[in-house]
Amino acid sequence: MCQDDGVNWKEVAIRYKQEAEQWKEENHKNLIDVNRLLIEKDNHLNEIKRLGAELYKANCNEMKNRENETDQI
């Protein structure tokens, strides 16, 4: 009933399985890269927050110093 169409389906299945494994490995590497980039982004955001807090504190101290100078005049 089944006709031989000349295609070696076992080889086709093996090739598809190998391609799927390769895609799986590539996707895993891409996920690792994405996670690394997200961690770097988070680190940069934390650094920006820290620098912003330092700048805010420095500005507050500067304003207090100016107030003290005008109070002494």
PDB file of N, CA and C in Angstrom:
ATOM      1  N   MET A   1       0.803  -1.184   0.000  1.00  0.00           N
ATOM      2  CA  MET A   1       0.000   0.000   0.000  1.00  0.00           C
ATOM      3  C   MET A   1       0.862   1.271   0.000  1.00  0.00           C
ATOM      4  N   CYS A   2       1.936   1.297   0.826  1.00  0.00           N
ATOM      5  CA  CYS A   2       2.820   2.462   0.860  1.00  0.00           C
ATOM      6  C   CYS A   2       3.765   2.383  -0.334  1.00  0.00           C
ATOM      7  N   GLN A   3       3.881   3.478  -1.028  1.00  0.00           N
ATOM      8  CA  GLN A   3       4.778   3.503  -2.176  1.00  0.00           C
ATOM      9  C   GLN A   3       6.129   4.048  -1.733  1.00  0.00           C
ATOM     10  N   ASP A   4       7.163   3.569  -2.355  1.00  0.00           N
ATOM     11  CA  ASP A   4       8.506   4.088  -2.102  1.00  0.00           C
ATOM     12  C   ASP A   4       8.668   5.347  -2.945  1.00  0.00           C
ATOM     13  N   ASP A   5       8.726   6.488  -2.268  1.00  0.00           N
ATOM     14  CA  ASP A   5       8.844   7.752  -2.999  1.00  0.00           C
ATOM     15  C   ASP A   5      10.295   8.176  -3.186  1.00  0.00           C
ATOM     16  N   GLY A   6      11.216   7.350  -2.797  1.00  0.00           N
ATOM     17  CA  GLY A   6      12.627   7.648  -2.992  1.00  0.00           C
ATOM     18  C   GLY A   6      13.226   8.512  -1.899  1.00  0.00           C
ATOM     19  N   VAL A   7      12.422   8.885  -0.907  1.00  0.00           N
ATOM     20  CA  VAL A   7      12.912   9.728   0.177  1.00  0.00           C
ATOM     21  C   VAL A   7      13.280   8.832   1.356  1.00  0.00           C
ATOM     22  N   ASN A   8      14.467   9.050   1.878  1.00  0.00           N
ATOM     23  CA  ASN A   8      14.879   8.306   3.065  1.00  0.00           C
ATOM     24  C   ASN A   8      14.390   9.098   4.280  1.00  0.00           C
ATOM     25  N   TRP A   9      13.235   8.733   4.757  1.00  0.00           N
ATOM     26  CA  TRP A   9      12.596   9.504   5.833  1.00  0.00           C
ATOM     27  C   TRP A   9      13.373   9.430   7.138  1.00  0.00           C
ATOM     28  N   LYS A  10      14.108   8.351   7.315  1.00  0.00           N
ATOM     29  CA  LYS A  10      14.936   8.249   8.527  1.00  0.00           C
ATOM     30  C   LYS A  10      16.023   9.321   8.502  1.00  0.00           C
ATOM     31  N   GLU A  11      16.659   9.523   7.335  1.00  0.00           N
ATOM     32  CA  GLU A  11      17.680  10.568   7.210  1.00  0.00           C
ATOM     33  C   GLU A  11      17.068  11.962   7.381  1.00  0.00           C
ATOM     34  N   VAL A  12      15.881  12.147   6.818  1.00  0.00           N
ATOM     35  CA  VAL A  12      15.194  13.431   6.967  1.00  0.00           C
ATOM     36  C   VAL A  12      14.913  13.703   8.443  1.00  0.00           C
ATOM     37  N   ALA A  13      14.426  12.695   9.154  1.00  0.00           N
ATOM     38  CA  ALA A  13      14.120  12.853  10.576  1.00  0.00           C
ATOM     39  C   ALA A  13      15.386  13.150  11.377  1.00  0.00           C
ATOM     40  N   ILE A  14      16.472  12.476  11.045  1.00  0.00           N
ATOM     41  CA  ILE A  14      17.754  12.713  11.736  1.00  0.00           C
ATOM     42  C   ILE A  14      18.225  14.138  11.479  1.00  0.00           C
ATOM     43  N   ARG A  15      18.121  14.597  10.225  1.00  0.00           N
ATOM     44  CA  ARG A  15      18.550  15.964   9.886  1.00  0.00           C
ATOM     45  C   ARG A  15      17.712  17.000  10.640  1.00  0.00           C
ATOM     46  N   TYR A  16      16.386  16.791  10.669  1.00  0.00           N
ATOM     47  CA  TYR A  16      15.522  17.726  11.396  1.00  0.00           C
ATOM     48  C   TYR A  16      15.828  17.726  12.886  1.00  0.00           C
ATOM     49  N   LYS A  17      16.125  16.556  13.410  1.00  0.00           N
ATOM     50  CA  LYS A  17      16.471  16.471  14.833  1.00  0.00           C
ATOM     51  C   LYS A  17      17.774  17.217  15.105  1.00  0.00           C
ATOM     52  N   GLN A  18      18.760  17.076  14.220  1.00  0.00           N
ATOM     53  CA  GLN A  18      20.030  17.779  14.386  1.00  0.00           C
ATOM     54  C   GLN A  18      19.838  19.292  14.297  1.00  0.00           C
ATOM     55  N   GLU A  19      19.004  19.724  13.335  1.00  0.00           N
ATOM     56  CA  GLU A  19      18.728  21.159  13.215  1.00  0.00           C
ATOM     57  C   GLU A  19      18.025  21.686  14.456  1.00  0.00           C
ATOM     58  N   ALA A  20      17.091  20.915  14.981  1.00  0.00           N
ATOM     59  CA  ALA A  20      16.378  21.329  16.193  1.00  0.00           C
ATOM     60  C   ALA A  20      17.338  21.445  17.374  1.00  0.00           C
ATOM     61  N   GLU A  21      18.279  20.533  17.485  1.00  0.00           N
ATOM     62  CA  GLU A  21      19.277  20.596  18.555  1.00  0.00           C
ATOM     63  C   GLU A  21      20.160  21.830  18.394  1.00  0.00           C
ATOM     64  N   GLN A  22      20.534  22.107  17.139  1.00  0.00           N
ATOM     65  CA  GLN A  22      21.368  23.286  16.885  1.00  0.00           C
ATOM     66  C   GLN A  22      20.612  24.566  17.248  1.00  0.00           C
ATOM     67  N   TRP A  23      19.336  24.651  16.867  1.00  0.00           N
ATOM     68  CA  TRP A  23      18.526  25.826  17.202  1.00  0.00           C
ATOM     69  C   TRP A  23      18.371  25.957  18.714  1.00  0.00           C
ATOM     70  N   LYS A  24      18.216  24.820  19.374  1.00  0.00           N
ATOM     71  CA  LYS A  24      18.088  24.823  20.829  1.00  0.00           C
ATOM     72  C   LYS A  24      19.359  25.399  21.471  1.00  0.00           C
ATOM     73  N   GLU A  25      20.524  24.964  20.983  1.00  0.00           N
ATOM     74  CA  GLU A  25      21.799  25.472  21.511  1.00  0.00           C
ATOM     75  C   GLU A  25      21.944  26.969  21.233  1.00  0.00           C
ATOM     76  N   GLU A  26      21.601  27.392  20.005  1.00  0.00           N
ATOM     77  CA  GLU A  26      21.704  28.804  19.659  1.00  0.00           C
ATOM     78  C   GLU A  26      20.756  29.644  20.513  1.00  0.00           C
ATOM     79  N   ASN A  27      19.533  29.164  20.710  1.00  0.00           N
ATOM     80  CA  ASN A  27      18.573  29.883  21.547  1.00  0.00           C
ATOM     81  C   ASN A  27      19.064  29.983  22.983  1.00  0.00           C
ATOM     82  N   HIS A  28      19.684  28.901  23.468  1.00  0.00           N
ATOM     83  CA  HIS A  28      20.216  28.924  24.833  1.00  0.00           C
ATOM     84  C   HIS A  28      21.321  29.974  24.958  1.00  0.00           C
ATOM     85  N   LYS A  29      22.212  30.018  23.955  1.00  0.00           N
ATOM     86  CA  LYS A  29      23.282  31.025  23.962  1.00  0.00           C
ATOM     87  C   LYS A  29      22.685  32.431  23.892  1.00  0.00           C
ATOM     88  N   ASN A  30      21.658  32.600  23.064  1.00  0.00           N
ATOM     89  CA  ASN A  30      21.015  33.912  22.960  1.00  0.00           C
ATOM     90  C   ASN A  30      20.368  34.319  24.278  1.00  0.00           C
ATOM     91  N   LEU A  31      19.750  33.371  24.963  1.00  0.00           N
ATOM     92  CA  LEU A  31      19.149  33.676  26.266  1.00  0.00           C
ATOM     93  C   LEU A  31      20.214  34.077  27.284  1.00  0.00           C
ATOM     94  N   ILE A  32      21.346  33.413  27.243  1.00  0.00           N
ATOM     95  CA  ILE A  32      22.447  33.770  28.141  1.00  0.00           C
ATOM     96  C   ILE A  32      22.915  35.193  27.837  1.00  0.00           C
ATOM     97  N   ASP A  33      23.040  35.522  26.543  1.00  0.00           N
ATOM     98  CA  ASP A  33      23.448  36.874  26.151  1.00  0.00           C
ATOM     99  C   ASP A  33      22.422  37.910  26.607  1.00  0.00           C
ATOM    100  N   VAL A  34      21.144  37.604  26.428  1.00  0.00           N
ATOM    101  CA  VAL A  34      20.088  38.535  26.846  1.00  0.00           C
ATOM    102  C   VAL A  34      20.137  38.737  28.356  1.00  0.00           C
ATOM    103  N   ASN A  35      20.300  37.661  29.106  1.00  0.00           N
ATOM    104  CA  ASN A  35      20.385  37.788  30.567  1.00  0.00           C
ATOM    105  C   ASN A  35      21.582  38.630  30.989  1.00  0.00           C
ATOM    106  N   ARG A  36      22.709  38.418  30.306  1.00  0.00           N
ATOM    107  CA  ARG A  36      23.905  39.200  30.617  1.00  0.00           C
ATOM    108  C   ARG A  36      23.652  40.687  30.345  1.00  0.00           C
ATOM    109  N   LEU A  37      23.020  40.980  29.215  1.00  0.00           N
ATOM    110  CA  LEU A  37      22.720  42.374  28.880  1.00  0.00           C
ATOM    111  C   LEU A  37      21.736  42.983  29.874  1.00  0.00           C
ATOM    112  N   LEU A  38      20.757  42.209  30.323  1.00  0.00           N
ATOM    113  CA  LEU A  38      19.805  42.717  31.315  1.00  0.00           C
ATOM    114  C   LEU A  38      20.498  43.014  32.645  1.00  0.00           C
ATOM    115  N   ILE A  39      21.428  42.168  33.024  1.00  0.00           N
ATOM    116  CA  ILE A  39      22.184  42.397  34.263  1.00  0.00           C
ATOM    117  C   ILE A  39      23.029  43.661  34.124  1.00  0.00           C
ATOM    118  N   GLU A  40      23.688  43.822  32.959  1.00  0.00           N
ATOM    119  CA  GLU A  40      24.485  45.032  32.727  1.00  0.00           C
ATOM    120  C   GLU A  40      23.603  46.273  32.772  1.00  0.00           C
ATOM    121  N   LYS A  41      22.439  46.206  32.148  1.00  0.00           N
ATOM    122  CA  LYS A  41      21.491  47.335  32.151  1.00  0.00           C
ATOM    123  C   LYS A  41      21.078  47.661  33.579  1.00  0.00           C
ATOM    124  N   ASP A  42      20.784  46.628  34.354  1.00  0.00           N
ATOM    125  CA  ASP A  42      20.393  46.837  35.747  1.00  0.00           C
ATOM    126  C   ASP A  42      21.521  47.480  36.537  1.00  0.00           C
ATOM    127  N   ASN A  43      22.744  47.026  36.293  1.00  0.00           N
ATOM    128  CA  ASN A  43      23.906  47.615  36.968  1.00  0.00           C
ATOM    129  C   ASN A  43      24.077  49.085  36.583  1.00  0.00           C
ATOM    130  N   HIS A  44      23.875  49.382  35.298  1.00  0.00           N
ATOM    131  CA  HIS A  44      23.988  50.774  34.856  1.00  0.00           C
ATOM    132  C   HIS A  44      22.902  51.635  35.490  1.00  0.00           C
ATOM    133  N   LEU A  45      21.685  51.102  35.563  1.00  0.00           N
ATOM    134  CA  LEU A  45      20.597  51.863  36.200  1.00  0.00           C
ATOM    135  C   LEU A  45      20.896  52.105  37.679  1.00  0.00           C
ATOM    136  N   ASN A  46      21.432  51.107  38.343  1.00  0.00           N
ATOM    137  CA  ASN A  46      21.788  51.281  39.757  1.00  0.00           C
ATOM    138  C   ASN A  46      22.876  52.337  39.921  1.00  0.00           C
ATOM    139  N   GLU A  47      23.838  52.353  39.002  1.00  0.00           N
ATOM    140  CA  GLU A  47      24.902  53.357  39.048  1.00  0.00           C
ATOM    141  C   GLU A  47      24.323  54.751  38.817  1.00  0.00           C
ATOM    142  N   ILE A  48      23.389  54.859  37.858  1.00  0.00           N
ATOM    143  CA  ILE A  48      22.742  56.154  37.600  1.00  0.00           C
ATOM    144  C   ILE A  48      21.970  56.614  38.835  1.00  0.00           C
ATOM    145  N   LYS A  49      21.264  55.702  39.483  1.00  0.00           N
ATOM    146  CA  LYS A  49      20.526  56.060  40.702  1.00  0.00           C
ATOM    147  C   LYS A  49      21.477  56.538  41.798  1.00  0.00           C
ATOM    148  N   ARG A  50      22.596  55.829  41.944  1.00  0.00           N
ATOM    149  CA  ARG A  50      23.574  56.200  42.973  1.00  0.00           C
ATOM    150  C   ARG A  50      24.146  57.581  42.692  1.00  0.00           C
ATOM    151  N   LEU A  51      24.508  57.812  41.425  1.00  0.00           N
ATOM    152  CA  LEU A  51      25.060  59.117  41.068  1.00  0.00           C
ATOM    153  C   LEU A  51      24.011  60.220  41.233  1.00  0.00           C
ATOM    154  N   GLY A  52      22.765  59.919  40.901  1.00  0.00           N
ATOM    155  CA  GLY A  52      21.682  60.885  41.094  1.00  0.00           C
ATOM    156  C   GLY A  52      21.510  61.233  42.562  1.00  0.00           C
ATOM    157  N   ALA A  53      21.587  60.234  43.427  1.00  0.00           N
ATOM    158  CA  ALA A  53      21.462  60.471  44.860  1.00  0.00           C
ATOM    159  C   ALA A  53      22.627  61.314  45.373  1.00  0.00           C
ATOM    160  N   GLU A  54      23.842  61.027  44.885  1.00  0.00           N
ATOM    161  CA  GLU A  54      25.003  61.827  45.283  1.00  0.00           C
ATOM    162  C   GLU A  54      24.847  63.274  44.830  1.00  0.00           C
ATOM    163  N   LEU A  55      24.371  63.462  43.601  1.00  0.00           N
ATOM    164  CA  LEU A  55      24.174  64.811  43.079  1.00  0.00           C
ATOM    165  C   LEU A  55      23.113  65.559  43.896  1.00  0.00           C
ATOM    166  N   TYR A  56      22.034  64.881  44.211  1.00  0.00           N
ATOM    167  CA  TYR A  56      20.979  65.491  45.017  1.00  0.00           C
ATOM    168  C   TYR A  56      21.523  65.913  46.385  1.00  0.00           C
ATOM    169  N   LYS A  57      22.296  65.018  47.006  1.00  0.00           N
ATOM    170  CA  LYS A  57      22.877  65.319  48.316  1.00  0.00           C
ATOM    171  C   LYS A  57      23.843  66.505  48.222  1.00  0.00           C
ATOM    172  N   ALA A  58      24.653  66.517  47.160  1.00  0.00           N
ATOM    173  CA  ALA A  58      25.598  67.619  46.981  1.00  0.00           C
ATOM    174  C   ALA A  58      24.853  68.938  46.772  1.00  0.00           C
ATOM    175  N   ASN A  59      23.775  68.911  46.016  1.00  0.00           N
ATOM    176  CA  ASN A  59      22.986  70.123  45.799  1.00  0.00           C
ATOM    177  C   ASN A  59      22.346  70.604  47.097  1.00  0.00           C
ATOM    178  N   CYS A  60      21.843  69.671  47.891  1.00  0.00           N
ATOM    179  CA  CYS A  60      21.262  70.040  49.187  1.00  0.00           C
ATOM    180  C   CYS A  60      22.314  70.678  50.096  1.00  0.00           C
ATOM    181  N   ASN A  61      23.495  70.075  50.120  1.00  0.00           N
ATOM    182  CA  ASN A  61      24.574  70.631  50.945  1.00  0.00           C
ATOM    183  C   ASN A  61      24.967  72.023  50.453  1.00  0.00           C
ATOM    184  N   GLU A  62      25.010  72.209  49.137  1.00  0.00           N
ATOM    185  CA  GLU A  62      25.348  73.515  48.570  1.00  0.00           C
ATOM    186  C   GLU A  62      24.302  74.554  48.967  1.00  0.00           C
ATOM    187  N   MET A  63      23.038  74.172  48.899  1.00  0.00           N
ATOM    188  CA  MET A  63      21.966  75.106  49.281  1.00  0.00           C
ATOM    189  C   MET A  63      22.068  75.460  50.772  1.00  0.00           C
ATOM    190  N   LYS A  64      22.369  74.480  51.599  1.00  0.00           N
ATOM    191  CA  LYS A  64      22.520  74.744  53.040  1.00  0.00           C
ATOM    192  C   LYS A  64      23.691  75.687  53.283  1.00  0.00           C
ATOM    193  N   ASN A  65      24.797  75.453  52.560  1.00  0.00           N
ATOM    194  CA  ASN A  65      25.964  76.327  52.711  1.00  0.00           C
ATOM    195  C   ASN A  65      25.626  77.759  52.316  1.00  0.00           C
ATOM    196  N   ARG A  66      24.878  77.929  51.232  1.00  0.00           N
ATOM    197  CA  ARG A  66      24.493  79.274  50.797  1.00  0.00           C
ATOM    198  C   ARG A  66      23.571  79.940  51.818  1.00  0.00           C
ATOM    199  N   GLU A  67      22.658  79.154  52.378  1.00  0.00           N
ATOM    200  CA  GLU A  67      21.767  79.702  53.396  1.00  0.00           C
ATOM    201  C   GLU A  67      22.555  80.152  54.612  1.00  0.00           C
ATOM    202  N   ASN A  68      23.529  79.343  55.003  1.00  0.00           N
ATOM    203  CA  ASN A  68      24.366  79.703  56.155  1.00  0.00           C
ATOM    204  C   ASN A  68      25.171  80.968  55.873  1.00  0.00           C
ATOM    205  N   GLU A  69      25.668  81.086  54.623  1.00  0.00           N
ATOM    206  CA  GLU A  69      26.442  82.290  54.273  1.00  0.00           C
ATOM    207  C   GLU A  69      25.562  83.542  54.319  1.00  0.00           C
ATOM    208  N   THR A  70      24.347  83.446  53.829  1.00  0.00           N
ATOM    209  CA  THR A  70      23.456  84.627  53.855  1.00  0.00           C
ATOM    210  C   THR A  70      22.990  84.908  55.267  1.00  0.00           C
ATOM    211  N   ASP A  71      22.834  83.905  56.093  1.00  0.00           N
ATOM    212  CA  ASP A  71      22.445  84.126  57.484  1.00  0.00           C
ATOM    213  C   ASP A  71      23.551  84.848  58.251  1.00  0.00           C
ATOM    214  N   GLN A  72      24.804  84.605  57.861  1.00  0.00           N
ATOM    215  CA  GLN A  72      25.915  85.242  58.569  1.00  0.00           C
ATOM    216  C   GLN A  72      26.127  86.683  58.147  1.00  0.00           C
ATOM    217  N   ILE A  73      25.558  87.074  57.022  1.00  0.00           N
ATOM    218  CA  ILE A  73      25.758  88.451  56.539  1.00  0.00           C
ATOM    219  C   ILE A  73      24.871  89.407  57.283  1.00  0.00           C
TER     220      ILE A  73
END
